[in-house]
N, C-alpha and C. Protein backbone atom coordinates (compact mmCIF):
# COMPACT_ATOMS: atom_id res chain seq x y z
N MET A 1 1.29 -1.03 -0.21
CA MET A 1 0.19 0.50 0.08
C MET A 1 1.08 1.32 0.06
N ASN A 2 1.82 1.02 0.48
CA ASN A 2 2.94 2.71 0.44
C ASN A 2 3.27 2.73 -0.74
N ASP A 3 3.46 1.86 -1.84
CA ASP A 3 4.08 2.27 -3.21
C ASP A 3 2.47 2.61 -3.91
N LEU A 4 1.75 3.08 -3.47
CA LEU A 4 0.50 3.17 -3.83
C LEU A 4 0.05 4.73 -3.71
N MET A 5 0.57 4.84 -2.23
CA MET A 5 0.47 6.33 -1.47
C MET A 5 0.78 7.93 -2.60
N PRO A 6 1.85 7.71 -3.19
CA PRO A 6 2.25 8.46 -4.28
C PRO A 6 1.52 8.98 -5.06
N LYS A 7 1.16 7.79 -5.57
CA LYS A 7 -0.22 7.39 -6.71
C LYS A 7 -0.76 8.48 -6.85
N PHE A 8 -1.46 8.46 -5.15
CA PHE A 8 -2.89 8.79 -5.27
C PHE A 8 -3.17 9.94 -4.15
N GLY A 9 -1.49 10.78 -4.70
CA GLY A 9 -1.45 11.89 -4.22
C GLY A 9 -1.03 11.74 -2.01
N GLY A 10 -0.48 10.84 -2.02
CA GLY A 10 -0.45 10.60 -0.22
C GLY A 10 -2.09 9.95 0.33
N LEU A 11 -3.04 9.92 -0.33
CA LEU A 11 -3.85 9.31 0.64
C LEU A 11 -3.89 8.35 0.25
N PRO A 12 -4.14 7.59 1.30
CA PRO A 12 -3.81 6.02 2.24
C PRO A 12 -4.68 5.01 1.89
N ALA A 13 -6.17 6.13 2.13
CA ALA A 13 -7.73 5.70 2.02
C ALA A 13 -7.62 5.19 0.98
N ILE A 14 -7.81 5.58 -0.14
CA ILE A 14 -8.27 5.43 -1.62
C ILE A 14 -7.85 3.70 -1.97
N PRO A 15 -6.93 3.50 -1.97
CA PRO A 15 -6.75 1.64 -1.80
C PRO A 15 -7.72 1.02 -1.29
N ASP A 16 -7.53 1.46 0.38
CA ASP A 16 -8.33 0.69 1.06
C ASP A 16 -10.04 0.77 0.86
N MET A 17 -10.56 1.56 0.21
CA MET A 17 -11.75 1.91 -0.14
C MET A 17 -12.33 1.15 -1.35
N TYR A 18 -11.28 0.62 -2.32
CA TYR A 18 -11.49 -0.09 -3.40
C TYR A 18 -11.49 -1.65 -2.94
N ALA A 19 -10.73 -1.69 -1.83
CA ALA A 19 -9.98 -3.10 -1.63
C ALA A 19 -11.39 -4.27 -1.61
N SER A 20 -12.32 -3.36 -1.27
CA SER A 20 -13.16 -4.69 -0.85
C SER A 20 -14.32 -5.07 -1.73
N LEU A 21 -13.50 -4.49 -2.91
CA LEU A 21 -15.24 -4.56 -4.25
C LEU A 21 -14.88 -5.18 -5.13
N THR A 22 -13.65 -6.03 -4.52
CA THR A 22 -13.45 -7.20 -5.81
C THR A 22 -14.55 -8.05 -6.20
N PRO A 23 -14.74 -8.69 -7.35
CA PRO A 23 -15.49 -9.51 -7.26
C PRO A 23 -14.92 -11.37 -6.68
N ARG A 24 -16.32 -12.16 -5.84
CA ARG A 24 -15.42 -13.21 -5.73
C ARG A 24 -15.99 -14.47 -6.76
N LYS A 25 -14.70 -15.72 -6.30
CA LYS A 25 -14.76 -16.62 -7.45
C LYS A 25 -15.91 -17.64 -6.90
N ARG A 26 -16.36 -17.79 -8.10
CA ARG A 26 -17.51 -19.46 -8.14
C ARG A 26 -16.79 -20.64 -8.44
N SER A 27 -17.54 -21.65 -7.88
CA SER A 27 -16.86 -23.02 -8.00
C SER A 27 -17.83 -23.33 -9.33
N ASN A 28 -17.15 -24.36 -9.30
CA ASN A 28 -17.62 -24.95 -10.65
C ASN A 28 -18.63 -26.36 -10.17
N VAL A 29 -19.79 -26.53 -11.17
CA VAL A 29 -20.50 -27.35 -10.60
C VAL A 29 -20.49 -28.97 -11.71
N THR A 30 -20.16 -29.47 -11.92
CA THR A 30 -19.79 -30.74 -12.06
C THR A 30 -20.92 -31.77 -12.54
N VAL A 31 -22.09 -31.94 -13.90
CA VAL A 31 -23.20 -32.58 -14.03
C VAL A 31 -22.61 -34.58 -14.38
N ASP A 32 -23.13 -34.75 -13.59
CA ASP A 32 -23.19 -36.52 -13.58
C ASP A 32 -24.25 -36.88 -14.18
N THR A 33 -24.55 -38.19 -14.55
CA THR A 33 -25.64 -38.75 -14.59
C THR A 33 -25.90 -39.68 -13.81
N GLY A 34 -26.92 -40.41 -13.69
CA GLY A 34 -27.61 -40.89 -12.48
C GLY A 34 -28.39 -40.83 -12.17
N LEU A 35 -29.15 -41.54 -11.15
CA LEU A 35 -30.49 -40.80 -10.70
C LEU A 35 -30.29 -40.51 -9.37
N PHE A 36 -29.09 -41.25 -8.44
CA PHE A 36 -28.99 -40.43 -7.10
C PHE A 36 -27.87 -39.44 -7.44
N ARG A 37 -26.98 -39.46 -8.21
CA ARG A 37 -26.05 -38.71 -8.73
C ARG A 37 -26.56 -36.85 -9.32
N GLY A 38 -27.86 -37.26 -10.40
CA GLY A 38 -28.04 -36.52 -10.79
C GLY A 38 -29.41 -35.59 -9.82
N TRP A 39 -29.77 -36.34 -9.07
CA TRP A 39 -30.31 -35.55 -7.72
C TRP A 39 -29.67 -34.85 -7.09
N PHE A 40 -28.27 -35.24 -6.45
CA PHE A 40 -27.73 -34.53 -6.02
C PHE A 40 -26.81 -33.26 -6.95
N VAL A 41 -26.77 -33.55 -8.12
CA VAL A 41 -26.50 -32.36 -9.43
C VAL A 41 -27.26 -30.83 -9.02
N GLU A 42 -28.68 -31.83 -9.24
CA GLU A 42 -29.51 -31.01 -9.24
C GLU A 42 -29.55 -29.77 -8.31
N ARG A 43 -29.34 -30.29 -7.07
CA ARG A 43 -29.47 -29.66 -5.36
C ARG A 43 -28.30 -28.82 -5.51
N ARG A 44 -27.81 -29.51 -6.16
CA ARG A 44 -25.78 -28.40 -5.90
C ARG A 44 -26.58 -26.86 -7.04
N VAL A 45 -26.79 -27.46 -8.47
CA VAL A 45 -27.11 -25.96 -9.76
C VAL A 45 -27.67 -25.33 -8.50
N ALA A 46 -29.34 -25.95 -8.30
CA ALA A 46 -29.77 -25.26 -7.42
C ALA A 46 -29.28 -24.36 -6.31
N ARG A 47 -28.59 -24.39 -5.64
CA ARG A 47 -27.76 -24.09 -4.74
C ARG A 47 -26.45 -23.62 -5.39
N GLU A 48 -26.06 -23.15 -6.19
CA GLU A 48 -25.67 -22.59 -6.77
C GLU A 48 -25.85 -21.53 -7.55
N ALA A 49 -27.10 -21.70 -7.90
CA ALA A 49 -28.39 -20.42 -8.41
C ALA A 49 -28.20 -19.62 -7.23
N ARG A 50 -28.69 -20.22 -5.91
CA ARG A 50 -29.45 -19.18 -5.52
C ARG A 50 -27.72 -18.55 -4.79
N ILE A 51 -27.24 -18.95 -4.99
CA ILE A 51 -25.59 -18.64 -4.49
C ILE A 51 -25.28 -17.47 -5.14
N SER A 52 -25.77 -17.64 -6.77
CA SER A 52 -25.25 -16.67 -7.60
C SER A 52 -26.53 -15.36 -7.77
N GLU A 53 -27.53 -15.48 -7.49
CA GLU A 53 -28.22 -14.50 -7.20
C GLU A 53 -27.76 -13.80 -6.00
N SER A 54 -27.26 -14.50 -4.93
CA SER A 54 -26.51 -13.51 -3.74
C SER A 54 -25.64 -12.74 -4.14
N GLU A 55 -24.59 -13.22 -4.77
CA GLU A 55 -23.64 -12.86 -5.39
C GLU A 55 -23.72 -11.54 -6.14
N ALA A 56 -25.20 -11.82 -7.04
CA ALA A 56 -25.65 -10.56 -8.33
C ALA A 56 -25.97 -9.23 -7.58
N SER A 57 -27.05 -9.72 -5.83
CA SER A 57 -26.47 -8.72 -4.93
C SER A 57 -25.96 -8.01 -4.39
N ILE A 58 -24.83 -8.81 -4.01
CA ILE A 58 -23.71 -8.51 -3.27
C ILE A 58 -23.20 -7.51 -4.77
N GLU A 59 -23.04 -7.97 -5.55
CA GLU A 59 -22.37 -7.30 -6.68
C GLU A 59 -22.83 -5.96 -6.72
N ASN A 60 -24.05 -5.45 -6.95
CA ASN A 60 -25.11 -4.82 -7.26
C ASN A 60 -24.96 -4.06 -5.99
N SER A 61 -24.54 -4.60 -5.01
CA SER A 61 -24.59 -3.22 -3.74
C SER A 61 -23.00 -2.80 -3.69
N LYS A 62 -21.65 -3.77 -3.88
CA LYS A 62 -20.47 -2.91 -4.16
C LYS A 62 -20.74 -1.83 -5.55
N ALA A 63 -21.38 -2.09 -6.89
CA ALA A 63 -21.09 -1.19 -7.43
C ALA A 63 -21.85 0.09 -7.22
N SER A 64 -22.96 0.08 -6.22
CA SER A 64 -23.33 0.94 -5.70
C SER A 64 -22.62 2.13 -4.43
N GLN A 65 -21.95 1.14 -4.05
CA GLN A 65 -20.43 1.15 -2.98
C GLN A 65 -19.86 1.84 -3.97
N ILE A 66 -19.51 1.62 -5.46
CA ILE A 66 -18.36 2.35 -6.07
C ILE A 66 -18.56 3.67 -6.56
N VAL A 67 -20.27 3.84 -6.52
CA VAL A 67 -20.66 4.98 -7.32
C VAL A 67 -21.10 5.84 -6.10
N ALA A 68 -20.90 5.20 -4.62
CA ALA A 68 -21.22 6.42 -3.43
C ALA A 68 -19.28 6.74 -3.24
N ILE A 69 -18.34 6.09 -3.62
CA ILE A 69 -17.09 6.14 -3.16
C ILE A 69 -16.21 6.84 -4.25
N ASN A 70 -16.87 7.00 -5.71
CA ASN A 70 -16.46 7.91 -6.37
C ASN A 70 -17.37 9.38 -6.18
N THR A 71 -18.12 9.57 -5.83
CA THR A 71 -19.21 10.87 -5.71
C THR A 71 -17.95 11.34 -4.25
N GLN A 72 -17.80 10.79 -3.23
CA GLN A 72 -17.24 11.30 -2.00
C GLN A 72 -16.29 11.65 -2.34
N LEU A 73 -15.08 11.16 -3.78
CA LEU A 73 -14.22 11.69 -4.01
C LEU A 73 -14.05 12.54 -4.94
N ILE A 74 -14.97 12.91 -5.79
CA ILE A 74 -14.97 13.38 -6.30
C ILE A 74 -15.60 15.27 -5.19
N GLY A 75 -16.36 14.61 -4.58
CA GLY A 75 -16.56 16.26 -3.78
C GLY A 75 -15.27 16.10 -3.17
N ALA A 76 -14.67 15.81 -2.60
CA ALA A 76 -13.70 15.85 -2.13
C ALA A 76 -12.48 16.81 -2.98
N ALA A 77 -12.51 15.83 -3.77
CA ALA A 77 -11.36 16.84 -4.82
C ALA A 77 -11.72 18.18 -5.13
N THR A 78 -13.47 18.22 -5.40
CA THR A 78 -13.73 19.73 -5.48
C THR A 78 -14.49 20.38 -5.02
N PHE A 79 -14.12 20.57 -3.65
CA PHE A 79 -14.85 20.93 -2.59
C PHE A 79 -14.45 22.13 -2.69
N GLY A 80 -13.27 22.57 -2.92
CA GLY A 80 -12.31 23.77 -3.14
C GLY A 80 -13.37 24.44 -3.86
N ASP A 81 -13.48 24.33 -4.75
CA ASP A 81 -14.07 25.10 -6.30
C ASP A 81 -15.56 25.00 -5.80
N GLN A 82 -16.60 24.10 -5.35
CA GLN A 82 -17.61 24.48 -5.07
C GLN A 82 -17.47 25.40 -3.84
N LEU A 83 -16.69 25.71 -2.80
CA LEU A 83 -16.82 26.58 -1.81
C LEU A 83 -16.24 27.88 -2.13
N ASP A 84 -15.60 27.93 -3.35
CA ASP A 84 -15.77 29.21 -3.81
C ASP A 84 -16.52 29.41 -4.71
N LEU A 85 -17.06 28.38 -5.21
CA LEU A 85 -18.62 28.90 -6.01
C LEU A 85 -19.78 29.30 -5.38
N ALA A 86 -20.09 28.83 -3.60
CA ALA A 86 -21.26 29.00 -3.42
C ALA A 86 -20.46 30.50 -2.87
N ARG A 87 -19.04 31.00 -2.16
CA ARG A 87 -19.11 32.08 -1.95
C ARG A 87 -19.01 33.19 -2.54
N PHE A 88 -19.19 32.76 -4.17
CA PHE A 88 -19.02 33.63 -5.12
C PHE A 88 -20.72 34.30 -5.26
N ARG A 89 -21.30 32.95 -5.13
CA ARG A 89 -23.07 33.37 -5.14
C ARG A 89 -23.66 34.03 -4.10
N ILE A 90 -23.25 33.96 -2.60
CA ILE A 90 -23.56 34.77 -1.51
C ILE A 90 -22.90 36.26 -2.03
N LYS A 91 -21.62 36.19 -2.49
CA LYS A 91 -21.14 37.64 -2.44
C LYS A 91 -22.04 38.51 -3.73
N THR A 92 -22.28 37.75 -4.76
CA THR A 92 -23.42 38.00 -5.80
C THR A 92 -24.47 38.82 -5.40
N GLU A 93 -24.93 37.97 -4.34
CA GLU A 93 -26.35 37.87 -3.99
C GLU A 93 -26.29 39.11 -2.94
N ALA A 94 -25.50 39.25 -2.03
CA ALA A 94 -25.10 40.44 -1.41
C ALA A 94 -24.32 41.60 -2.00
N ASP A 95 -24.10 41.57 -3.28
CA ASP A 95 -24.07 43.20 -4.12
C ASP A 95 -25.30 43.32 -4.69
N MET A 96 -26.06 42.46 -4.95
CA MET A 96 -27.44 42.83 -6.03
C MET A 96 -28.43 43.65 -5.04
N LEU A 97 -28.12 42.40 -3.51
CA LEU A 97 -28.99 43.13 -2.65
C LEU A 97 -28.91 44.62 -2.48
N ASN A 98 -27.30 44.93 -1.94
CA ASN A 98 -26.86 46.53 -2.00
C ASN A 98 -27.02 47.38 -3.06
N SER A 99 -27.03 46.53 -4.30
CA SER A 99 -27.35 47.85 -5.29
C SER A 99 -29.02 48.16 -5.18
N ASP A 100 -29.75 47.27 -4.89
CA ASP A 100 -31.01 47.64 -4.94
C ASP A 100 -31.43 48.42 -3.97
N ARG A 101 -30.42 48.43 -2.63
CA ARG A 101 -30.93 49.25 -1.59
C ARG A 101 -30.18 50.69 -2.12
N ILE A 102 -29.50 50.69 -3.03
CA ILE A 102 -29.13 52.09 -3.41
C ILE A 102 -29.89 52.79 -4.95
N ILE A 103 -30.28 51.71 -5.23
CA ILE A 103 -31.19 52.44 -6.30
C ILE A 103 -32.61 52.70 -5.81
N ARG A 104 -33.03 52.03 -4.50
CA ARG A 104 -34.25 52.68 -3.89
C ARG A 104 -34.02 53.69 -2.61
N GLN A 105 -32.84 54.21 -2.28
CA GLN A 105 -32.22 55.45 -2.13
C GLN A 105 -32.52 56.70 -2.47
N ALA A 106 -31.81 56.25 -3.92
CA ALA A 106 -31.46 57.51 -5.17
C ALA A 106 -33.04 57.69 -5.56
N GLN A 107 -34.10 56.88 -5.54
CA GLN A 107 -35.20 57.11 -6.42
C GLN A 107 -35.70 58.03 -5.06
N ALA A 108 -35.79 57.22 -4.07
CA ALA A 108 -36.37 58.64 -2.41
C ALA A 108 -35.75 59.43 -2.75
N ARG A 109 -34.66 59.62 -2.70
CA ARG A 109 -34.20 61.26 -3.11
C ARG A 109 -34.03 62.15 -4.18
N THR A 110 -34.80 61.48 -5.15
CA THR A 110 -35.04 62.23 -6.48
C THR A 110 -36.91 62.51 -6.03
N GLU A 111 -37.23 61.96 -5.13
CA GLU A 111 -39.08 62.24 -5.23
C GLU A 111 -39.07 63.16 -3.94
N VAL A 112 -37.94 63.31 -2.73
CA VAL A 112 -37.67 64.44 -1.93
C VAL A 112 -37.33 65.15 -3.04
N SER A 113 -36.90 65.51 -3.62
CA SER A 113 -35.68 67.02 -4.43
C SER A 113 -37.06 67.58 -5.29
N LYS A 114 -37.47 66.60 -5.85
CA LYS A 114 -39.23 66.68 -6.26
C LYS A 114 -40.48 67.23 -5.91
N SER A 115 -40.49 67.40 -4.51
CA SER A 115 -41.35 67.68 -4.06
C SER A 115 -40.78 68.87 -3.17
N GLU A 116 -39.59 68.79 -2.95
CA GLU A 116 -38.50 70.40 -2.50
C GLU A 116 -38.85 71.34 -3.82
N THR A 117 -38.77 70.88 -4.66
CA THR A 117 -38.49 71.75 -6.01
C THR A 117 -39.78 72.55 -5.96
N ALA A 118 -41.01 71.36 -5.72
CA ALA A 118 -42.49 72.19 -5.80
C ALA A 118 -42.57 72.89 -4.97
N PHE A 119 -42.20 72.30 -3.65
CA PHE A 119 -42.75 73.65 -2.74
C PHE A 119 -42.15 74.86 -2.70
N PHE A 120 -40.96 74.85 -3.10
CA PHE A 120 -39.88 76.33 -3.05
C PHE A 120 -40.66 77.01 -4.60
N GLU A 121 -41.14 76.09 -5.91
CA GLU A 121 -42.06 77.06 -6.95
C GLU A 121 -43.23 77.62 -6.22
N ALA A 122 -43.89 76.82 -5.41
CA ALA A 122 -44.83 77.03 -5.04
C ALA A 122 -44.60 78.30 -4.06
N LYS A 123 -43.16 78.98 -3.45
CA LYS A 123 -43.31 79.77 -2.48
C LYS A 123 -42.86 81.39 -3.42
N MET A 124 -41.78 80.83 -4.72
CA MET A 124 -41.32 81.94 -5.36
C MET A 124 -42.91 82.66 -6.06
N SER A 125 -43.53 81.70 -6.44
CA SER A 125 -44.83 81.97 -6.91
C SER A 125 -45.68 82.89 -5.76
N LYS A 126 -46.00 82.39 -4.65
CA LYS A 126 -46.38 83.60 -3.99
C LYS A 126 -45.92 85.10 -3.55
N LEU A 127 -44.45 84.62 -3.48
CA LEU A 127 -43.70 85.92 -3.74
C LEU A 127 -43.96 86.80 -4.62
N ASP A 128 -43.81 85.88 -5.96
CA ASP A 128 -43.94 86.75 -6.70
C ASP A 128 -45.56 87.81 -6.98
N TYR A 129 -46.40 87.03 -6.63
CA TYR A 129 -47.75 87.46 -6.43
C TYR A 129 -47.94 88.49 -5.61
N LEU A 130 -47.17 88.39 -4.24
CA LEU A 130 -47.30 89.09 -3.53
C LEU A 130 -46.28 90.72 -3.77
N ARG A 131 -45.35 90.37 -4.61
CA ARG A 131 -44.76 91.24 -5.02
C ARG A 131 -45.36 92.01 -6.14
N ARG A 132 -46.04 91.13 -7.02
CA ARG A 132 -47.03 92.24 -7.92
C ARG A 132 -48.10 93.07 -7.91
N ALA A 133 -48.42 92.52 -6.49
CA ALA A 133 -49.68 92.83 -5.89
C ALA A 133 -48.71 94.37 -5.20
N LYS A 134 -47.79 94.16 -4.35
CA LYS A 134 -47.49 95.27 -3.74
C LYS A 134 -47.13 96.90 -4.62
N GLU A 135 -46.79 95.88 -6.02
CA GLU A 135 -46.32 97.26 -7.14
C GLU A 135 -47.74 97.83 -7.68
N ALA A 136 -48.83 96.99 -7.51
CA ALA A 136 -50.50 97.65 -8.47
C ALA A 136 -50.76 98.48 -7.45
N LYS A 137 -50.38 97.88 -5.60
CA LYS A 137 -51.10 99.08 -4.90
C LYS A 137 -50.21 100.48 -4.54
N GLU A 138 -48.95 100.48 -4.91
CA GLU A 138 -48.82 101.46 -4.71
C GLU A 138 -48.38 102.21 -6.81
N GLU A 139 -49.24 101.91 -7.49
CA GLU A 139 -49.56 102.46 -8.33
C GLU A 139 -50.85 103.33 -8.45
N GLY A 140 -51.43 102.55 -7.14
CA GLY A 140 -52.86 102.90 -7.26
C GLY A 140 -53.87 102.41 -7.65
N LEU A 141 -53.49 101.11 -8.16
CA LEU A 141 -54.44 100.19 -8.82
C LEU A 141 -54.86 99.34 -7.59
N ASP A 142 -56.48 98.73 -7.71
CA ASP A 142 -57.38 97.98 -6.75
C ASP A 142 -56.84 96.75 -7.10
N PHE A 143 -56.14 95.85 -6.19
CA PHE A 143 -55.48 94.52 -6.66
C PHE A 143 -56.29 93.62 -5.11
N GLU A 144 -56.92 92.72 -5.62
CA GLU A 144 -57.32 91.70 -4.59
C GLU A 144 -56.62 90.61 -4.84
N ASP A 145 -56.01 90.20 -3.20
CA ASP A 145 -55.16 88.65 -3.18
C ASP A 145 -56.74 87.55 -3.49
N GLU A 146 -56.19 86.04 -3.44
CA GLU A 146 -57.08 85.00 -3.83
C GLU A 146 -57.96 85.18 -2.25
N ALA A 147 -57.28 85.35 -1.21
CA ALA A 147 -58.01 85.18 0.12
C ALA A 147 -59.42 85.92 -0.06
N GLY A 148 -59.20 87.26 -0.78
CA GLY A 148 -60.93 88.33 -0.30
C GLY A 148 -60.28 89.59 -0.20
N ASP A 149 -59.01 89.20 0.84
CA ASP A 149 -58.48 90.40 1.20
C ASP A 149 -58.41 91.62 0.24
N ASN A 150 -58.41 92.78 0.85
CA ASN A 150 -57.88 94.13 -0.06
C ASN A 150 -56.90 94.71 0.44
N GLN A 151 -55.38 94.81 -0.75
CA GLN A 151 -54.44 95.17 -0.09
C GLN A 151 -54.04 96.70 0.41
């Protein structure tokens, strides 16, 4: 096993994982003729059939173990990449949320500035109205404001 360690990057567990997955050897059944021997042969063949079915289920189990081991090895080998990808996704989502927050703040500032502009325009209109009313009064003209008061 020590000679395999450099081959597998210094991971001694990898050869051990696959060591138990080698197939079993089956016995050979000879077929003899005769009444008693034929009966024993049929029993042996039936026994070998059951053994073969059991071995097939064992081999299926080993195949699923190989798939699981390979999945674990791939997961271990690509863990760093998966971790980097997860970090990148989290950072991207955080940046998107931050961008949405900045956009909403900018929209709120725009609305506030529009309302302030409208407020100052209304004040300027009122001052302009008062200035014209004062000029009209100084010239002796009769000028009424919107409230109905005479100035």
